[in-house]
Full PDB file with SEQRES, HELIX, SHEET, SSBOND, CRYST1, ORIGX, SCALE, CONECT and MASTER records, all heavy atoms in Angstrom:
SEQRES   1 A   32  SER GLY LEU PRO VAL ILE ASP ASP HIS GLY ARG VAL CYS          
SEQRES   2 A   32  GLY ILE VAL THR GLU GLY ASP LEU LEU LEU ARG ARG GLU          
SEQRES   3 A   32  VAL ARG PHE ALA PRO ARG                                      
HELIX    1 AA1 GLU A   18  LEU A   21  5                                   4    
HELIX    2 AA2 ARG A   25  VAL A   27  5                                   3    
SHEET    1 AA1 2 GLY A   2  ILE A   6  0                                        
SHEET    2 AA1 2 VAL A  12  THR A  17 -1                                        
CRYST1    1.000    1.000    1.000  90.00  90.00  90.00 P 1           1          
ORIGX1      1.000000  0.000000  0.000000        0.00000                         
ORIGX2      0.000000  1.000000  0.000000        0.00000                         
ORIGX3      0.000000  0.000000  1.000000        0.00000                         
SCALE1      1.000000  0.000000  0.000000        0.00000                         
SCALE2      0.000000  1.000000  0.000000        0.00000                         
SCALE3      0.000000  0.000000  1.000000        0.00000                         
ATOM      1  N   SER A   1      94.558  98.340  98.717  1.00  0.00           N  
ATOM      2  CA  SER A   1      94.761  98.742 100.201  1.00  0.00           C  
ATOM      3  C   SER A   1      96.224  98.964 100.578  1.00  0.00           C  
ATOM      4  O   SER A   1      96.470  99.263 101.735  1.00  0.00           O  
ATOM      5  CB  SER A   1      94.033  97.660 101.023  1.00  0.00           C  
ATOM      6  OG  SER A   1      94.611  96.429 100.824  1.00  0.00           O  
ATOM      7  N   GLY A   2      97.015  98.806  99.615  1.00  0.00           N  
ATOM      8  CA  GLY A   2      98.439  99.059  99.823  1.00  0.00           C  
ATOM      9  C   GLY A   2      99.236  99.413  98.640  1.00  0.00           C  
ATOM     10  O   GLY A   2      98.913  98.861  97.509  1.00  0.00           O  
ATOM     11  N   LEU A   3     100.373 100.041  98.746  1.00  0.00           N  
ATOM     12  CA  LEU A   3     101.197 100.485  97.462  1.00  0.00           C  
ATOM     13  C   LEU A   3     102.674 100.241  97.905  1.00  0.00           C  
ATOM     14  O   LEU A   3     103.114 100.769  98.973  1.00  0.00           O  
ATOM     15  CB  LEU A   3     100.927 101.907  97.360  1.00  0.00           C  
ATOM     16  CG  LEU A   3      99.663 102.460  96.760  1.00  0.00           C  
ATOM     17  CD1 LEU A   3      99.573 103.926  96.654  1.00  0.00           C  
ATOM     18  CD2 LEU A   3      99.211 101.878  95.374  1.00  0.00           C  
ATOM     19  N   PRO A   4     103.366  99.514  97.070  1.00  0.00           N  
ATOM     20  CA  PRO A   4     104.832  99.391  97.264  1.00  0.00           C  
ATOM     21  C   PRO A   4     105.419 100.817  96.956  1.00  0.00           C  
ATOM     22  O   PRO A   4     104.997 101.478  96.107  1.00  0.00           O  
ATOM     23  CB  PRO A   4     105.222  98.463  96.275  1.00  0.00           C  
ATOM     24  CG  PRO A   4     104.082  97.634  95.740  1.00  0.00           C  
ATOM     25  CD  PRO A   4     102.855  98.630  96.026  1.00  0.00           C  
ATOM     26  N   VAL A   5     106.478 101.135  97.846  1.00  0.00           N  
ATOM     27  CA  VAL A   5     107.075 102.444  97.583  1.00  0.00           C  
ATOM     28  C   VAL A   5     108.426 102.192  96.757  1.00  0.00           C  
ATOM     29  O   VAL A   5     109.250 101.339  97.394  1.00  0.00           O  
ATOM     30  CB  VAL A   5     107.350 103.203  98.931  1.00  0.00           C  
ATOM     31  CG1 VAL A   5     107.955 104.535  98.640  1.00  0.00           C  
ATOM     32  CG2 VAL A   5     106.006 103.215  99.647  1.00  0.00           C  
ATOM     33  N   ILE A   6     108.654 102.839  95.638  1.00  0.00           N  
ATOM     34  CA  ILE A   6     109.841 102.653  94.951  1.00  0.00           C  
ATOM     35  C   ILE A   6     110.814 103.785  94.895  1.00  0.00           C  
ATOM     36  O   ILE A   6     110.274 104.988  94.571  1.00  0.00           O  
ATOM     37  CB  ILE A   6     109.464 102.178  93.445  1.00  0.00           C  
ATOM     38  CG1 ILE A   6     108.423 101.154  93.407  1.00  0.00           C  
ATOM     39  CG2 ILE A   6     110.699 101.956  92.633  1.00  0.00           C  
ATOM     40  CD1 ILE A   6     108.819  99.789  94.086  1.00  0.00           C  
ATOM     41  N   ASP A   7     112.017 103.523  95.142  1.00  0.00           N  
ATOM     42  CA  ASP A   7     112.964 104.742  95.122  1.00  0.00           C  
ATOM     43  C   ASP A   7     113.450 105.085  93.700  1.00  0.00           C  
ATOM     44  O   ASP A   7     112.996 104.481  92.807  1.00  0.00           O  
ATOM     45  CB  ASP A   7     114.150 104.469  96.082  1.00  0.00           C  
ATOM     46  CG  ASP A   7     115.047 103.288  95.526  1.00  0.00           C  
ATOM     47  OD1 ASP A   7     114.971 102.942  94.370  1.00  0.00           O  
ATOM     48  OD2 ASP A   7     115.946 102.795  96.363  1.00  0.00           O  
ATOM     49  N   ASP A   8     114.399 106.049  93.563  1.00  0.00           N  
ATOM     50  CA  ASP A   8     114.767 106.576  92.293  1.00  0.00           C  
ATOM     51  C   ASP A   8     115.524 105.536  91.503  1.00  0.00           C  
ATOM     52  O   ASP A   8     115.700 105.584  90.310  1.00  0.00           O  
ATOM     53  CB  ASP A   8     115.644 107.815  92.559  1.00  0.00           C  
ATOM     54  CG  ASP A   8     114.943 108.954  92.991  1.00  0.00           C  
ATOM     55  OD1 ASP A   8     113.641 109.054  92.832  1.00  0.00           O  
ATOM     56  OD2 ASP A   8     115.628 109.885  93.583  1.00  0.00           O  
ATOM     57  N   HIS A   9     115.998 104.494  92.242  1.00  0.00           N  
ATOM     58  CA  HIS A   9     116.744 103.366  91.443  1.00  0.00           C  
ATOM     59  C   HIS A   9     115.819 102.198  91.147  1.00  0.00           C  
ATOM     60  O   HIS A   9     116.365 101.167  90.671  1.00  0.00           O  
ATOM     61  CB  HIS A   9     117.871 103.033  92.341  1.00  0.00           C  
ATOM     62  CG  HIS A   9     118.867 103.948  92.777  1.00  0.00           C  
ATOM     63  ND1 HIS A   9     119.808 104.605  91.827  1.00  0.00           N  
ATOM     64  CD2 HIS A   9     119.026 104.647  93.995  1.00  0.00           C  
ATOM     65  CE1 HIS A   9     120.416 105.539  92.480  1.00  0.00           C  
ATOM     66  NE2 HIS A   9     120.035 105.532  93.698  1.00  0.00           N  
ATOM     67  N   GLY A  10     114.567 102.363  91.292  1.00  0.00           N  
ATOM     68  CA  GLY A  10     113.625 101.281  91.064  1.00  0.00           C  
ATOM     69  C   GLY A  10     113.572 100.156  92.063  1.00  0.00           C  
ATOM     70  O   GLY A  10     112.870  99.140  91.795  1.00  0.00           O  
ATOM     71  N   ARG A  11     114.034 100.406  93.182  1.00  0.00           N  
ATOM     72  CA  ARG A  11     114.150  99.485  94.313  1.00  0.00           C  
ATOM     73  C   ARG A  11     112.994  99.705  95.304  1.00  0.00           C  
ATOM     74  O   ARG A  11     112.631 100.754  95.580  1.00  0.00           O  
ATOM     75  CB  ARG A  11     115.379  99.415  95.062  1.00  0.00           C  
ATOM     76  CG  ARG A  11     116.552  98.919  94.137  1.00  0.00           C  
ATOM     77  CD  ARG A  11     117.914  99.041  94.835  1.00  0.00           C  
ATOM     78  NE  ARG A  11     118.158 100.508  95.207  1.00  0.00           N  
ATOM     79  CZ  ARG A  11     119.463 100.857  95.337  1.00  0.00           C  
ATOM     80  NH1 ARG A  11     120.449 100.079  95.213  1.00  0.00           N  
ATOM     81  NH2 ARG A  11     119.609 102.194  95.657  1.00  0.00           N  
ATOM     82  N   VAL A  12     112.603  98.508  95.854  1.00  0.00           N  
ATOM     83  CA  VAL A  12     111.392  98.679  96.880  1.00  0.00           C  
ATOM     84  C   VAL A  12     112.072  99.125  98.251  1.00  0.00           C  
ATOM     85  O   VAL A  12     112.993  98.484  98.701  1.00  0.00           O  
ATOM     86  CB  VAL A  12     110.747  97.311  97.244  1.00  0.00           C  
ATOM     87  CG1 VAL A  12     109.773  97.416  98.352  1.00  0.00           C  
ATOM     88  CG2 VAL A  12     110.086  96.737  95.917  1.00  0.00           C  
ATOM     89  N   CYS A  13     111.719 100.349  98.599  1.00  0.00           N  
ATOM     90  CA  CYS A  13     112.109 100.828  99.920  1.00  0.00           C  
ATOM     91  C   CYS A  13     111.222 100.980 101.055  1.00  0.00           C  
ATOM     92  O   CYS A  13     111.488 101.397 102.171  1.00  0.00           O  
ATOM     93  CB  CYS A  13     112.751 102.369  99.629  1.00  0.00           C  
ATOM     94  SG  CYS A  13     111.524 103.494  98.964  1.00  0.00           S  
ATOM     95  N   GLY A  14     109.935 100.491 100.777  1.00  0.00           N  
ATOM     96  CA  GLY A  14     108.948 100.580 101.742  1.00  0.00           C  
ATOM     97  C   GLY A  14     107.596 100.274 101.206  1.00  0.00           C  
ATOM     98  O   GLY A  14     107.478  99.785 100.026  1.00  0.00           O  
ATOM     99  N   ILE A  15     106.488 100.252 102.027  1.00  0.00           N  
ATOM    100  CA  ILE A  15     105.212  99.932 101.551  1.00  0.00           C  
ATOM    101  C   ILE A  15     104.318 100.790 102.501  1.00  0.00           C  
ATOM    102  O   ILE A  15     104.540 100.963 103.740  1.00  0.00           O  
ATOM    103  CB  ILE A  15     104.897  98.476 101.661  1.00  0.00           C  
ATOM    104  CG1 ILE A  15     103.636  98.092 100.953  1.00  0.00           C  
ATOM    105  CG2 ILE A  15     104.829  97.983 103.204  1.00  0.00           C  
ATOM    106  CD1 ILE A  15     103.519  96.587 100.760  1.00  0.00           C  
ATOM    107  N   VAL A  16     103.204 101.354 101.848  1.00  0.00           N  
ATOM    108  CA  VAL A  16     102.219 102.102 102.583  1.00  0.00           C  
ATOM    109  C   VAL A  16     100.933 101.432 102.395  1.00  0.00           C  
ATOM    110  O   VAL A  16     100.472 101.162 101.313  1.00  0.00           O  
ATOM    111  CB  VAL A  16     102.270 103.538 102.149  1.00  0.00           C  
ATOM    112  CG1 VAL A  16     101.973 103.731 100.674  1.00  0.00           C  
ATOM    113  CG2 VAL A  16     101.297 104.352 102.926  1.00  0.00           C  
ATOM    114  N   THR A  17     100.160 101.346 103.526  1.00  0.00           N  
ATOM    115  CA  THR A  17      98.917 100.469 103.553  1.00  0.00           C  
ATOM    116  C   THR A  17      97.925 101.398 104.304  1.00  0.00           C  
ATOM    117  O   THR A  17      98.158 102.329 104.938  1.00  0.00           O  
ATOM    118  CB  THR A  17      99.050  99.264 104.309  1.00  0.00           C  
ATOM    119  OG1 THR A  17      99.271  99.374 105.627  1.00  0.00           O  
ATOM    120  CG2 THR A  17     100.291  98.478 103.763  1.00  0.00           C  
ATOM    121  N   GLU A  18      96.734 100.828 104.086  1.00  0.00           N  
ATOM    122  CA  GLU A  18      95.554 101.640 104.943  1.00  0.00           C  
ATOM    123  C   GLU A  18      95.945 101.592 106.409  1.00  0.00           C  
ATOM    124  O   GLU A  18      95.550 102.577 107.124  1.00  0.00           O  
ATOM    125  CB  GLU A  18      94.355 100.693 104.674  1.00  0.00           C  
ATOM    126  CG  GLU A  18      93.750 100.789 103.273  1.00  0.00           C  
ATOM    127  CD  GLU A  18      92.626  99.843 102.959  1.00  0.00           C  
ATOM    128  OE1 GLU A  18      92.511  98.884 103.746  1.00  0.00           O  
ATOM    129  OE2 GLU A  18      91.772 100.033 102.181  1.00  0.00           O  
ATOM    130  N   GLY A  19      96.720 100.545 106.945  1.00  0.00           N  
ATOM    131  CA  GLY A  19      96.838 100.559 108.348  1.00  0.00           C  
ATOM    132  C   GLY A  19      97.676 101.553 108.712  1.00  0.00           C  
ATOM    133  O   GLY A  19      97.606 102.123 109.878  1.00  0.00           O  
ATOM    134  N   ASP A  20      98.621 102.130 107.852  1.00  0.00           N  
ATOM    135  CA  ASP A  20      99.502 103.194 108.150  1.00  0.00           C  
ATOM    136  C   ASP A  20      98.682 104.491 108.272  1.00  0.00           C  
ATOM    137  O   ASP A  20      99.392 105.463 108.766  1.00  0.00           O  
ATOM    138  CB  ASP A  20     100.613 103.274 107.126  1.00  0.00           C  
ATOM    139  CG  ASP A  20     101.442 102.079 107.109  1.00  0.00           C  
ATOM    140  OD1 ASP A  20     101.888 101.499 108.194  1.00  0.00           O  
ATOM    141  OD2 ASP A  20     101.789 101.628 105.998  1.00  0.00           O  
ATOM    142  N   LEU A  21      97.415 104.623 107.807  1.00  0.00           N  
ATOM    143  CA  LEU A  21      96.860 105.822 107.756  1.00  0.00           C  
ATOM    144  C   LEU A  21      95.669 105.913 108.773  1.00  0.00           C  
ATOM    145  O   LEU A  21      94.954 106.994 108.890  1.00  0.00           O  
ATOM    146  CB  LEU A  21      96.242 105.928 106.373  1.00  0.00           C  
ATOM    147  CG  LEU A  21      97.177 106.027 105.168  1.00  0.00           C  
ATOM    148  CD1 LEU A  21      96.511 105.649 103.843  1.00  0.00           C  
ATOM    149  CD2 LEU A  21      97.862 107.356 105.100  1.00  0.00           C  
ATOM    150  N   LEU A  22      95.537 104.911 109.512  1.00  0.00           N  
ATOM    151  CA  LEU A  22      94.328 104.813 110.499  1.00  0.00           C  
ATOM    152  C   LEU A  22      94.443 105.958 111.610  1.00  0.00           C  
ATOM    153  O   LEU A  22      93.361 106.382 112.167  1.00  0.00           O  
ATOM    154  CB  LEU A  22      94.020 103.649 111.093  1.00  0.00           C  
ATOM    155  CG  LEU A  22      93.718 102.472 110.095  1.00  0.00           C  
ATOM    156  CD1 LEU A  22      93.597 101.137 110.828  1.00  0.00           C  
ATOM    157  CD2 LEU A  22      92.530 102.862 109.368  1.00  0.00           C  
ATOM    158  N   LEU A  23      95.709 106.367 111.914  1.00  0.00           N  
ATOM    159  CA  LEU A  23      95.798 107.340 113.045  1.00  0.00           C  
ATOM    160  C   LEU A  23      96.206 108.784 112.651  1.00  0.00           C  
ATOM    161  O   LEU A  23      96.800 109.548 113.367  1.00  0.00           O  
ATOM    162  CB  LEU A  23      96.909 106.798 114.146  1.00  0.00           C  
ATOM    163  CG  LEU A  23      96.563 105.343 114.719  1.00  0.00           C  
ATOM    164  CD1 LEU A  23      97.810 105.113 115.553  1.00  0.00           C  
ATOM    165  CD2 LEU A  23      95.256 105.434 115.441  1.00  0.00           C  
ATOM    166  N   ARG A  24      95.914 108.992 111.358  1.00  0.00           N  
ATOM    167  CA  ARG A  24      96.205 110.337 110.862  1.00  0.00           C  
ATOM    168  C   ARG A  24      95.528 111.411 111.564  1.00  0.00           C  
ATOM    169  O   ARG A  24      94.288 111.250 112.045  1.00  0.00           O  
ATOM    170  CB  ARG A  24      95.876 110.353 109.357  1.00  0.00           C  
ATOM    171  CG  ARG A  24      96.718 109.420 108.462  1.00  0.00           C  
ATOM    172  CD  ARG A  24      98.140 109.958 108.366  1.00  0.00           C  
ATOM    173  NE  ARG A  24      98.059 111.414 107.789  1.00  0.00           N  
ATOM    174  CZ  ARG A  24      99.228 112.199 107.583  1.00  0.00           C  
ATOM    175  NH1 ARG A  24     100.404 111.785 107.996  1.00  0.00           N  
ATOM    176  NH2 ARG A  24      99.036 113.406 107.037  1.00  0.00           N  
ATOM    177  N   ARG A  25      96.073 112.568 111.650  1.00  0.00           N  
ATOM    178  CA  ARG A  25      95.513 113.803 112.254  1.00  0.00           C  
ATOM    179  C   ARG A  25      94.225 114.161 111.615  1.00  0.00           C  
ATOM    180  O   ARG A  25      93.365 114.857 112.288  1.00  0.00           O  
ATOM    181  CB  ARG A  25      96.479 114.954 112.322  1.00  0.00           C  
ATOM    182  CG  ARG A  25      96.922 115.355 110.881  1.00  0.00           C  
ATOM    183  CD  ARG A  25      97.922 116.555 110.989  1.00  0.00           C  
ATOM    184  NE  ARG A  25      98.431 116.989 109.744  1.00  0.00           N  
ATOM    185  CZ  ARG A  25      97.881 117.692 108.877  1.00  0.00           C  
ATOM    186  NH1 ARG A  25      96.636 118.143 109.102  1.00  0.00           N  
ATOM    187  NH2 ARG A  25      98.392 118.033 107.726  1.00  0.00           N  
ATOM    188  N   GLU A  26      94.050 113.927 110.225  1.00  0.00           N  
ATOM    189  CA  GLU A  26      92.911 114.278 109.553  1.00  0.00           C  
ATOM    190  C   GLU A  26      91.587 113.708 110.111  1.00  0.00           C  
ATOM    191  O   GLU A  26      90.496 114.110 109.796  1.00  0.00           O  
ATOM    192  CB  GLU A  26      93.054 113.966 108.021  1.00  0.00           C  
ATOM    193  CG  GLU A  26      94.046 114.948 107.415  1.00  0.00           C  
ATOM    194  CD  GLU A  26      95.485 114.184 107.304  1.00  0.00           C  
ATOM    195  OE1 GLU A  26      95.659 113.251 108.083  1.00  0.00           O  
ATOM    196  OE2 GLU A  26      96.394 114.524 106.707  1.00  0.00           O  
ATOM    197  N   VAL A  27      91.748 112.517 110.721  1.00  0.00           N  
ATOM    198  CA  VAL A  27      90.528 111.880 111.136  1.00  0.00           C  
ATOM    199  C   VAL A  27      90.357 112.027 112.677  1.00  0.00           C  
ATOM    200  O   VAL A  27      89.539 111.500 113.337  1.00  0.00           O  
ATOM    201  CB  VAL A  27      90.560 110.419 110.854  1.00  0.00           C  
ATOM    202  CG1 VAL A  27      90.533 110.156 109.419  1.00  0.00           C  
ATOM    203  CG2 VAL A  27      91.697 109.699 111.386  1.00  0.00           C  
ATOM    204  N   ARG A  28      91.236 112.873 113.254  1.00  0.00           N  
ATOM    205  CA  ARG A  28      91.147 113.211 114.734  1.00  0.00           C  
ATOM    206  C   ARG A  28      90.483 114.508 114.913  1.00  0.00           C  
ATOM    207  O   ARG A  28      91.045 115.639 114.479  1.00  0.00           O  
ATOM    208  CB  ARG A  28      92.501 113.142 115.427  1.00  0.00           C  
ATOM    209  CG  ARG A  28      92.473 112.942 116.801  1.00  0.00           C  
ATOM    210  CD  ARG A  28      93.830 112.648 117.451  1.00  0.00           C  
ATOM    211  NE  ARG A  28      94.920 113.552 116.959  1.00  0.00           N  
ATOM    212  CZ  ARG A  28      95.942 113.278 116.289  1.00  0.00           C  
ATOM    213  NH1 ARG A  28      96.098 112.156 115.834  1.00  0.00           N  
ATOM    214  NH2 ARG A  28      96.855 114.195 115.924  1.00  0.00           N  
ATOM    215  N   PHE A  29      89.235 114.548 115.507  1.00  0.00           N  
ATOM    216  CA  PHE A  29      88.514 115.863 115.675  1.00  0.00           C  
ATOM    217  C   PHE A  29      89.085 116.722 116.780  1.00  0.00           C  
ATOM    218  O   PHE A  29      88.763 117.905 116.704  1.00  0.00           O  
ATOM    219  CB  PHE A  29      86.965 115.456 115.935  1.00  0.00           C  
ATOM    220  CG  PHE A  29      86.340 114.792 114.850  1.00  0.00           C  
ATOM    221  CD1 PHE A  29      86.215 113.288 114.922  1.00  0.00           C  
ATOM    222  CD2 PHE A  29      86.103 115.273 113.596  1.00  0.00           C  
ATOM    223  CE1 PHE A  29      85.676 112.773 113.750  1.00  0.00           C  
ATOM    224  CE2 PHE A  29      85.505 114.764 112.634  1.00  0.00           C  
ATOM    225  CZ  PHE A  29      85.293 113.249 112.601  1.00  0.00           C  
ATOM    226  N   ALA A  30      89.719 116.245 117.619  1.00  0.00           N  
ATOM    227  CA  ALA A  30      90.253 116.966 118.740  1.00  0.00           C  
ATOM    228  C   ALA A  30      91.698 116.724 118.952  1.00  0.00           C  
ATOM    229  O   ALA A  30      92.254 115.543 118.862  1.00  0.00           O  
ATOM    230  CB  ALA A  30      89.583 116.714 120.077  1.00  0.00           C  
ATOM    231  N   PRO A  31      92.620 117.746 119.223  1.00  0.00           N  
ATOM    232  CA  PRO A  31      94.017 117.429 119.419  1.00  0.00           C  
ATOM    233  C   PRO A  31      94.195 116.751 120.757  1.00  0.00           C  
ATOM    234  O   PRO A  31      93.428 116.732 121.631  1.00  0.00           O  
ATOM    235  CB  PRO A  31      94.626 119.000 119.528  1.00  0.00           C  
ATOM    236  CG  PRO A  31      93.406 119.763 120.009  1.00  0.00           C  
ATOM    237  CD  PRO A  31      92.171 119.088 119.387  1.00  0.00           C  
ATOM    238  N   ARG A  32      95.390 115.935 120.711  1.00  0.00           N  
ATOM    239  CA  ARG A  32      95.657 115.204 121.851  1.00  0.00           C  
ATOM    240  C   ARG A  32      96.150 116.016 123.054  1.00  0.00           C  
ATOM    241  O   ARG A  32      96.919 116.985 122.706  1.00  0.00           O  
ATOM    242  CB  ARG A  32      96.667 114.130 121.552  1.00  0.00           C  
ATOM    243  CG  ARG A  32      96.014 112.932 120.688  1.00  0.00           C  
ATOM    244  CD  ARG A  32      97.090 111.989 120.253  1.00  0.00           C  
ATOM    245  NE  ARG A  32      96.497 110.834 119.597  1.00  0.00           N  
ATOM    246  CZ  ARG A  32      97.095 109.866 118.966  1.00  0.00           C  
ATOM    247  NH1 ARG A  32      98.477 109.900 118.960  1.00  0.00           N  
ATOM    248  NH2 ARG A  32      96.600 108.950 118.331  1.00  0.00           N  
TER     249      ARG A  32                                                      
MASTER        0    0    0    2    2    0    0    6  248    1    0    3          
END                                                                             
């Protein structure tokens, strides 16, 4: 449910999780 994000130097620069994807435009049927 989540992936560490690694930069070109092998360091952790972030993390992406299911929670970061819940408000994506792909699941919104009508524009705001």
